[in-house]
Protein backbone atom coordinates (compact mmCIF):
# COMPACT_ATOMS: atom_id res chain seq x y z
CA MET A 1 98.92 97.24 95.10
CA ALA A 2 98.61 95.08 91.98
CA ARG A 3 97.17 92.23 94.08
CA TYR A 4 94.71 94.63 95.73
CA VAL A 5 93.57 95.95 92.34
CA THR A 6 93.19 92.38 91.07
CA ARG A 7 90.95 91.51 94.02
CA LEU A 8 88.93 94.69 93.52
CA LEU A 9 88.40 93.90 89.84
CA ALA A 10 87.42 90.33 90.71
CA VAL A 11 84.86 91.62 93.21
CA SER A 12 83.44 94.04 90.66
CA SER A 13 83.18 91.39 87.95
CA ALA A 14 81.66 88.75 90.22
CA VAL A 15 79.11 91.15 91.71
CA THR A 16 78.05 92.02 88.18
CA ALA A 17 77.65 88.32 87.41
CA LEU A 18 75.69 87.69 90.62
CA ALA A 19 73.44 90.61 89.83
CA ALA A 20 72.71 89.15 86.42
CA ILE A 21 71.97 85.72 87.89
CA GLY A 22 69.67 87.16 90.52
CA ALA A 23 67.88 89.54 88.21
CA GLY A 24 64.12 89.34 88.50
CA PRO A 25 61.16 91.10 86.94
CA GLY A 26 61.89 94.67 86.11
CA ALA A 27 65.66 94.14 85.98
CA ALA A 28 67.63 95.99 83.35
CA VAL A 29 68.34 94.25 80.06
CA PRO A 30 71.77 94.38 78.39
CA GLY A 31 72.45 97.80 76.95
CA GLU A 32 69.79 99.50 79.10
CA ALA A 33 71.01 102.20 81.48
CA SER A 34 70.50 101.30 85.14
CA GLY A 35 71.91 101.81 88.60
CA PRO A 36 73.48 99.28 90.99
CA VAL A 37 71.56 96.03 91.51
CA PRO A 38 71.48 94.61 95.09
CA VAL A 39 72.75 91.04 95.41
CA ALA A 40 72.35 90.79 99.22
CA SER A 41 70.22 92.61 101.77
CA GLY A 42 69.55 92.73 105.51
CA LEU A 43 73.25 92.65 106.37
CA ASN A 44 74.39 93.78 109.83
CA ASN A 45 77.24 96.25 109.34
CA PRO A 46 78.90 94.48 106.38
CA ARG A 47 82.67 94.81 106.11
CA GLN A 48 85.02 93.12 103.61
CA LEU A 49 83.82 90.69 100.97
CA SER A 50 85.71 87.92 99.21
CA PHE A 51 85.17 85.04 96.83
CA ALA A 52 85.82 81.33 97.35
CA PRO A 53 87.42 79.29 94.54
CA ASN A 54 83.94 78.05 93.54
CA GLY A 55 82.76 81.64 92.98
CA ALA A 56 80.60 81.98 96.12
CA LEU A 57 80.65 85.46 97.65
CA TYR A 58 81.29 85.77 101.40
CA VAL A 59 80.53 88.92 103.39
CA ALA A 60 81.82 89.53 106.91
CA GLU A 61 79.21 91.25 109.11
CA ALA A 62 80.50 93.14 112.16
CA GLY A 63 77.12 92.75 113.85
CA THR A 64 75.16 95.15 116.03
CA GLY A 65 76.66 94.49 119.46
CA GLY A 66 74.21 93.61 122.22
CA SER A 67 73.11 94.24 125.78
CA GLY A 68 76.58 94.15 127.25
CA PRO A 69 78.79 94.29 129.13
CA CYS A 70 79.85 97.64 127.75
CA VAL A 71 83.37 99.04 127.38
CA ASP A 72 85.06 102.13 125.96
CA GLY A 73 85.51 101.90 122.20
CA ALA A 74 87.38 104.06 119.71
CA GLU A 75 84.30 106.26 119.21
CA GLY A 76 82.60 105.96 122.60
CA GLU A 77 80.89 103.26 124.61
CA VAL A 78 80.21 99.98 122.83
CA CYS A 79 78.32 96.96 124.14
CA PHE A 80 78.93 93.25 123.61
CA GLY A 81 76.63 90.76 121.91
CA PRO A 82 76.87 87.57 119.79
CA THR A 83 75.54 89.26 116.64
CA GLY A 84 78.52 88.99 114.29
CA SER A 85 78.18 86.67 111.29
CA VAL A 86 79.27 85.72 107.79
CA THR A 87 76.86 85.64 104.84
CA ARG A 88 77.31 83.60 101.67
CA VAL A 89 75.74 84.55 98.34
CA ALA A 90 75.74 81.82 95.70
CA GLY A 91 73.39 80.72 92.95
CA GLY A 92 71.20 83.76 93.55
CA ARG A 93 70.64 82.74 97.20
CA GLN A 94 71.77 84.40 100.41
CA SER A 95 72.34 82.65 103.75
CA ARG A 96 74.33 83.16 106.95
CA VAL A 97 76.84 80.33 107.20
CA ILE A 98 78.58 81.47 110.41
CA THR A 99 76.60 83.06 113.25
CA GLY A 100 76.99 83.90 116.93
CA LEU A 101 80.31 85.70 116.51
CA PRO A 102 81.21 88.40 119.06
CA SER A 103 80.35 91.99 118.20
CA LEU A 104 80.81 95.35 119.90
CA ALA A 105 78.65 98.32 118.90
CA GLY A 106 77.13 101.52 120.16
CA GLU A 107 73.45 102.32 120.31
CA GLY A 108 71.61 101.22 117.18
CA GLY A 109 74.63 99.26 115.94
CA ALA A 110 76.83 102.34 115.50
CA ALA A 111 80.63 102.04 115.38
CA ALA A 112 80.41 98.25 115.22
CA THR A 113 83.43 95.97 115.32
CA GLY A 114 83.56 92.21 114.99
CA PRO A 115 83.98 89.97 111.92
CA ALA A 116 85.99 92.02 109.44
CA ASP A 117 87.08 89.74 106.59
CA ILE A 118 87.23 86.07 105.63
CA VAL A 119 89.14 83.82 103.25
CA VAL A 120 87.40 80.55 102.32
CA HIS A 121 89.53 77.80 100.78
CA GLY A 122 88.46 75.17 98.29
CA ASP A 123 88.22 72.45 100.96
CA GLY A 124 85.72 74.48 103.02
CA SER A 125 88.24 75.65 105.60
CA TYR A 126 88.46 79.35 106.34
CA ALA A 127 90.43 82.08 108.08
CA LEU A 128 88.29 84.81 109.63
CA VAL A 129 89.67 88.12 110.91
CA MET A 130 88.06 89.67 113.99
CA GLY A 131 88.47 93.43 114.49
CA LEU A 132 88.68 95.42 117.72
CA GLY A 133 89.83 99.03 117.44
CA GLY A 134 91.49 99.60 120.79
CA ASN A 135 93.72 98.20 123.50
CA PRO A 136 93.41 94.38 123.55
CA ALA A 137 93.39 94.56 127.36
CA VAL A 138 89.70 95.48 127.09
CA ARG A 139 88.98 91.84 126.21
CA ALA A 140 89.38 90.93 129.87
CA ASP A 141 86.24 92.92 130.66
CA LEU A 142 84.13 90.89 128.21
CA PRO A 143 82.59 87.39 128.31
CA PRO A 144 84.85 84.47 127.22
CA ALA A 145 83.89 84.94 123.57
CA GLY A 146 85.38 88.42 123.78
CA LYS A 147 88.83 86.83 123.60
CA GLN A 148 88.13 86.33 119.89
CA PHE A 149 88.42 90.05 119.15
CA ALA A 150 91.72 90.99 117.45
CA THR A 151 92.37 87.39 116.40
CA VAL A 152 92.25 85.14 113.36
CA LEU A 153 89.71 82.33 113.70
CA GLY A 154 90.06 79.12 111.75
CA GLY A 155 87.68 76.25 111.09
CA ARG A 156 85.45 74.64 108.51
CA LEU A 157 82.07 75.91 107.38
CA GLY A 158 79.45 74.16 109.47
CA GLY A 159 82.03 73.05 112.05
CA ARG A 160 83.82 74.35 115.10
CA ARG A 161 86.19 77.28 115.05
CA SER A 162 89.24 78.16 117.13
CA ILE A 163 91.77 80.97 117.48
CA THR A 164 94.72 80.36 115.16
CA ALA A 165 96.51 83.68 115.74
CA ASP A 166 96.12 86.24 118.55
CA LEU A 167 97.05 89.58 117.00
CA GLY A 168 95.93 91.43 120.12
CA ALA A 169 98.34 89.49 122.33
CA TYR A 170 101.17 90.21 119.89
CA GLU A 171 100.34 93.92 119.92
CA ALA A 172 100.28 93.98 123.72
CA ALA A 173 103.62 92.18 123.98
CA HIS A 174 105.56 93.93 121.21
CA ASN A 175 103.72 97.14 120.25
CA PRO A 176 105.56 97.21 116.88
CA HIS A 177 104.72 100.84 116.06
CA ALA A 178 106.06 102.01 119.47
CA GLN A 179 103.04 104.18 120.18
CA GLY A 180 99.80 103.48 122.04
CA VAL A 181 98.79 99.80 122.34
CA ASP A 182 96.01 99.59 119.76
CA THR A 183 94.96 96.81 117.40
CA ASN A 184 92.27 96.58 114.76
CA PRO A 185 92.67 93.79 112.14
CA THR A 186 90.57 94.69 109.13
CA SER A 187 91.48 92.53 106.14
CA ILE A 188 93.00 89.19 105.15
CA GLU A 189 94.41 87.92 101.87
CA MET A 190 95.93 84.56 100.92
CA VAL A 191 99.33 84.94 99.26
CA GLY A 192 101.10 81.71 98.40
CA ALA A 193 101.24 79.53 101.49
CA SER A 194 100.54 82.39 103.90
CA HIS A 195 97.78 84.73 105.02
CA LEU A 196 98.51 88.45 105.08
CA ILE A 197 96.45 90.40 107.62
CA VAL A 198 96.13 94.18 107.59
CA ASP A 199 96.01 95.54 111.16
CA ALA A 200 95.27 99.27 110.79
CA GLY A 201 98.89 100.49 110.72
CA GLY A 202 100.72 97.36 109.57
CA VAL A 203 100.65 93.96 107.86
CA VAL A 204 101.05 90.58 109.59
CA LYS A 205 102.19 87.44 107.72
CA ILE A 206 101.01 84.05 109.04
CA PRO A 207 101.99 80.74 107.36
CA ILE A 208 99.03 78.48 106.54
CA GLY A 209 99.06 75.07 108.19
């Protein structure tokens, strides 16, 4: 809990700093009452956000799905598309640094799942969590990129990525909670030499390396 609160406070402080950096005409001056100031816009179903060691803000975007194929999701039918992405905000500028990630969503982008959270290391490498919200067996009904749902992807910004951990396969094989086979990774945090991944009802620890 203390680590979670620390991350939350860091997010709050850094967003405040980014807002100040990106302030334009009409922005509030110190001491003047004002509401929240946007630091990024046009995001497609944003999920978790995190900061790299250099202070850049990264936002995982679950995407808006696509034209299909379509499968049953946790809240109804969802359709596949390569619309997931990751946005970076730094120096008052916003850009998508990872694109073409798999996404599942209902009509109009509702109930979207896809990129859920990312950790970016100082050397430019990253660990990216992909959500799902259902039985990992559904991945067999999707295009090859659909195998990336319910996994951790690793790579370097601007380079190739690969699956470094298949949380869906582990759920299917072990079903740790002994109830319905269901996986939905939602968050990742670096702790020491490991990544901790929250998967709806549990936490997975994966050594880095």
